[in-house]
Amino acid sequence: MVKEKDIDRKTFFKASNSLLQESVFNFLDSYSPEFMKKIIPRNKIPNKLLYPPGAIKEPLYSEKCTGCDKCIEICPYDSIILSENKDGKMVAMINPYETPCYLCADVPCSKACPEGALLPLDNRMEIKIGFAAPTFHCKNQKAKKKVCTICRDVCPFLDDCVKFNIANIPMIKKNVCNGCGICANNCPELGKGIIIFPR
């Protein structure tokens, strides 16, 4: 029987914090750098990979994806790569900080999977691979004024997704954002100013 004193406190609090973050995110409509600063340590920006459009839930995704390259070959932007998962298996993923998902109209990658790891999507409006959140590294946050609007300017949904509050800080609407990563990829603070969380 494991005694309370034998529990690794660091592991316990790390796991608890992850669950708390996920719970809070699910109830938020949009995120500000001020909020992100409270829950993400300054030296631990999570640059996570995203699943391709149409991906089924884990652990089934990793079980079904064979790394066959079909979705990779059909992507016109080379957005999809093979990446090693936690079990050492090579599976198809997207690194939005290197090449985001450019939201192809007919979502060909989702239809190319022969194993069922990706389910076919009819159009780009069905893509929901993640959601973006600005951080305390945002240039407007640092300057205390609006010196950059790139995240809104490059967003496929423009003002419907990204708005600036009275402090000129970007607020990203979670129910509109699909996690394509175009904003994060174009952010001057690449990999830090905006982070993309997988859905």
Protein backbone atom coordinates (compact mmCIF):
# COMPACT_ATOMS: atom_id res chain seq x y z
CA MET A 1 0.00 0.00 0.00
CA VAL A 2 1.40 3.41 -0.99
CA LYS A 3 1.67 5.84 1.86
CA GLU A 4 0.93 9.55 1.43
CA LYS A 5 4.54 10.51 2.14
CA ASP A 6 5.69 8.25 -0.71
CA ILE A 7 3.80 10.25 -3.33
CA ASP A 8 6.03 12.39 -5.52
CA ARG A 9 4.78 15.90 -4.67
CA LYS A 10 6.17 17.45 -7.85
CA THR A 11 4.40 14.87 -10.04
CA PHE A 12 1.17 15.30 -8.10
CA PHE A 13 1.07 19.09 -8.42
CA LYS A 14 2.14 18.98 -12.07
CA ALA A 15 -0.73 16.63 -12.91
CA SER A 16 -3.19 18.65 -10.85
CA ASN A 17 -2.13 21.88 -12.55
CA SER A 18 -2.62 20.33 -16.01
CA LEU A 19 -6.14 19.25 -15.12
CA LEU A 20 -6.91 22.68 -13.70
CA GLN A 21 -5.69 24.42 -16.86
CA GLU A 22 -7.79 22.16 -19.08
CA SER A 23 -10.87 22.73 -16.95
CA VAL A 24 -10.45 26.50 -16.98
CA PHE A 25 -9.81 26.60 -20.75
CA ASN A 26 -13.03 24.72 -21.39
CA PHE A 27 -15.06 27.43 -19.64
CA LEU A 28 -13.34 30.42 -21.20
CA ASP A 29 -14.63 32.17 -24.29
CA SER A 30 -11.38 34.01 -25.05
CA TYR A 31 -7.92 34.39 -23.56
CA SER A 32 -5.76 37.34 -22.66
CA PRO A 33 -2.00 37.47 -21.95
CA GLU A 34 -2.85 38.51 -18.39
CA PHE A 35 -4.73 35.26 -17.85
CA MET A 36 -2.09 33.15 -19.59
CA LYS A 37 0.62 34.71 -17.41
CA LYS A 38 -1.12 33.40 -14.32
CA ILE A 39 -1.25 29.79 -15.43
CA ILE A 40 1.84 29.32 -17.62
CA PRO A 41 5.30 29.85 -16.07
CA ARG A 42 7.44 32.36 -18.00
CA ASN A 43 10.05 29.73 -18.87
CA LYS A 44 7.63 26.96 -19.89
CA ILE A 45 5.78 27.92 -23.08
CA PRO A 46 4.22 24.65 -24.32
CA ASN A 47 4.94 24.32 -28.05
CA LYS A 48 2.83 21.26 -28.72
CA LEU A 49 2.21 19.53 -32.04
CA LEU A 50 -1.30 19.35 -33.45
CA TYR A 51 -3.20 16.46 -34.96
CA PRO A 52 -4.15 16.78 -38.65
CA PRO A 53 -7.72 17.75 -39.56
CA GLY A 54 -10.20 14.94 -38.98
CA ALA A 55 -8.01 13.09 -36.46
CA ILE A 56 -9.82 10.72 -34.14
CA LYS A 57 -9.19 10.82 -30.40
CA GLU A 58 -6.23 9.26 -28.67
CA PRO A 59 -5.26 6.53 -28.02
CA LEU A 60 -7.07 5.30 -31.16
CA TYR A 61 -5.29 7.84 -33.36
CA SER A 62 -1.85 6.51 -32.52
CA GLU A 63 -3.10 2.95 -32.89
CA LYS A 64 -4.56 3.52 -36.36
CA CYS A 65 -2.03 5.92 -37.85
CA THR A 66 0.66 3.88 -39.60
CA GLY A 67 2.77 6.79 -40.83
CA CYS A 68 1.95 5.79 -44.40
CA ASP A 69 2.54 9.34 -45.70
CA LYS A 70 -0.76 9.56 -47.61
CA CYS A 71 -1.93 12.70 -45.79
CA ILE A 72 1.59 14.14 -45.97
CA GLU A 73 1.86 13.62 -49.71
CA ILE A 74 -1.49 15.22 -50.49
CA CYS A 75 -0.97 18.34 -48.36
CA PRO A 76 -0.05 21.16 -50.78
CA TYR A 77 1.69 23.18 -48.07
CA ASP A 78 3.79 20.43 -46.45
CA SER A 79 2.05 21.20 -43.17
CA ILE A 80 1.88 17.57 -42.04
CA ILE A 81 5.01 15.81 -40.82
CA LEU A 82 5.90 12.51 -39.22
CA SER A 83 6.70 12.88 -35.55
CA GLU A 84 7.59 10.36 -32.88
CA ASN A 85 4.93 10.03 -30.21
CA LYS A 86 5.46 9.13 -26.56
CA ASP A 87 5.50 5.43 -27.43
CA GLY A 88 8.20 5.86 -30.04
CA LYS A 89 5.84 5.42 -33.00
CA MET A 90 5.99 7.76 -36.00
CA VAL A 91 2.60 9.37 -36.61
CA ALA A 92 1.33 12.28 -38.71
CA MET A 93 1.27 15.63 -36.88
CA ILE A 94 1.40 19.38 -37.55
CA ASN A 95 3.94 21.81 -36.11
CA PRO A 96 2.12 25.16 -36.44
CA TYR A 97 5.24 27.15 -35.54
CA GLU A 98 7.04 25.79 -38.60
CA THR A 99 4.21 25.29 -41.11
CA PRO A 100 0.61 25.86 -40.01
CA CYS A 101 -2.54 24.34 -41.49
CA TYR A 102 -3.69 26.58 -44.35
CA LEU A 103 -7.26 25.28 -44.29
CA CYS A 104 -7.65 23.74 -47.74
CA ALA A 105 -11.22 24.18 -48.96
CA ASP A 106 -11.87 20.47 -49.51
CA VAL A 107 -9.58 19.24 -46.69
CA PRO A 108 -7.87 16.56 -48.84
CA CYS A 109 -5.66 15.23 -46.03
CA SER A 110 -8.70 14.07 -44.06
CA LYS A 111 -9.89 12.03 -47.03
CA ALA A 112 -6.50 10.49 -47.84
CA CYS A 113 -6.13 8.31 -44.74
CA PRO A 114 -6.68 4.62 -45.58
CA GLU A 115 -6.60 3.48 -41.96
CA GLY A 116 -9.35 5.60 -40.41
CA ALA A 117 -7.00 7.65 -38.23
CA LEU A 118 -8.39 10.71 -40.02
CA LEU A 119 -12.10 11.00 -40.71
CA PRO A 120 -13.15 12.80 -43.92
CA LEU A 121 -14.26 16.42 -43.52
CA ASP A 122 -16.50 18.13 -46.09
CA ASN A 123 -15.03 21.63 -45.87
CA ARG A 124 -12.61 23.87 -43.99
CA MET A 125 -15.30 25.10 -41.58
CA GLU A 126 -15.28 21.64 -39.99
CA ILE A 127 -11.58 21.87 -39.08
CA LYS A 128 -11.04 22.09 -35.32
CA ILE A 129 -7.50 21.06 -34.48
CA GLY A 130 -6.69 23.46 -31.64
CA PHE A 131 -7.11 26.97 -30.28
CA ALA A 132 -4.76 29.92 -30.01
CA ALA A 133 -3.93 31.97 -26.95
CA PRO A 134 -1.75 35.10 -26.64
CA THR A 135 0.89 35.19 -23.91
CA PHE A 136 2.82 37.77 -21.91
CA HIS A 137 5.41 37.77 -24.72
CA CYS A 138 2.92 39.58 -27.01
CA LYS A 139 4.54 42.78 -28.34
CA ASN A 140 1.50 44.85 -27.36
CA GLN A 141 1.73 43.50 -23.83
CA LYS A 142 5.35 44.56 -23.62
CA ALA A 143 4.85 47.97 -25.22
CA LYS A 144 1.59 48.70 -23.36
CA LYS A 145 0.11 49.92 -26.65
CA LYS A 146 -0.94 48.56 -30.04
CA VAL A 147 2.29 48.15 -31.99
CA CYS A 148 1.35 44.90 -33.72
CA THR A 149 -1.86 43.57 -35.32
CA ILE A 150 -0.38 40.67 -37.28
CA CYS A 151 -2.38 37.98 -35.47
CA ARG A 152 -5.64 39.63 -36.55
CA ASP A 153 -4.40 40.58 -40.01
CA VAL A 154 -3.43 37.03 -40.99
CA CYS A 155 -6.32 35.24 -39.27
CA PRO A 156 -8.70 33.63 -41.79
CA PHE A 157 -11.58 34.86 -39.61
CA LEU A 158 -10.17 38.37 -38.96
CA ASP A 159 -12.25 40.39 -36.47
CA ASP A 160 -14.65 37.51 -35.91
CA CYS A 161 -11.86 35.70 -34.09
CA VAL A 162 -9.29 38.27 -32.94
CA LYS A 163 -10.22 41.53 -31.27
CA PHE A 164 -8.19 43.98 -29.20
CA ASN A 165 -9.37 45.06 -25.78
CA ILE A 166 -9.10 48.59 -24.39
CA ALA A 167 -5.48 47.88 -23.45
CA ASN A 168 -4.77 46.88 -27.09
CA ILE A 169 -4.18 43.27 -26.08
CA PRO A 170 -5.45 40.60 -28.51
CA MET A 171 -8.39 38.52 -27.35
CA ILE A 172 -8.90 35.30 -29.32
CA LYS A 173 -12.38 33.79 -29.43
CA LYS A 174 -12.15 30.09 -28.63
CA ASN A 175 -15.47 29.23 -30.24
CA VAL A 176 -14.27 30.73 -33.56
CA CYS A 177 -10.58 29.80 -33.55
CA ASN A 178 -9.85 26.43 -35.15
CA GLY A 179 -6.17 26.23 -34.17
CA CYS A 180 -4.77 26.48 -37.70
CA GLY A 181 -1.66 28.18 -36.29
CA ILE A 182 -1.34 30.86 -38.98
CA CYS A 183 -1.28 33.60 -36.34
CA ALA A 184 1.37 31.85 -34.25
CA ASN A 185 3.49 31.18 -37.33
CA ASN A 186 3.43 34.86 -38.33
CA CYS A 187 3.83 36.30 -34.84
CA PRO A 188 7.09 38.32 -34.45
CA GLU A 189 7.57 36.51 -31.14
CA LEU A 190 7.52 33.12 -32.92
CA GLY A 191 6.68 30.28 -30.57
CA LYS A 192 6.16 32.64 -27.64
CA GLY A 193 3.71 35.45 -28.44
CA ILE A 194 0.88 33.09 -29.36
CA ILE A 195 0.68 29.43 -28.48
CA ILE A 196 -1.61 26.81 -29.95
CA PHE A 197 -3.24 24.24 -27.71
CA PRO A 198 -4.43 20.98 -29.30
CA ARG A 199 -8.15 20.28 -29.00
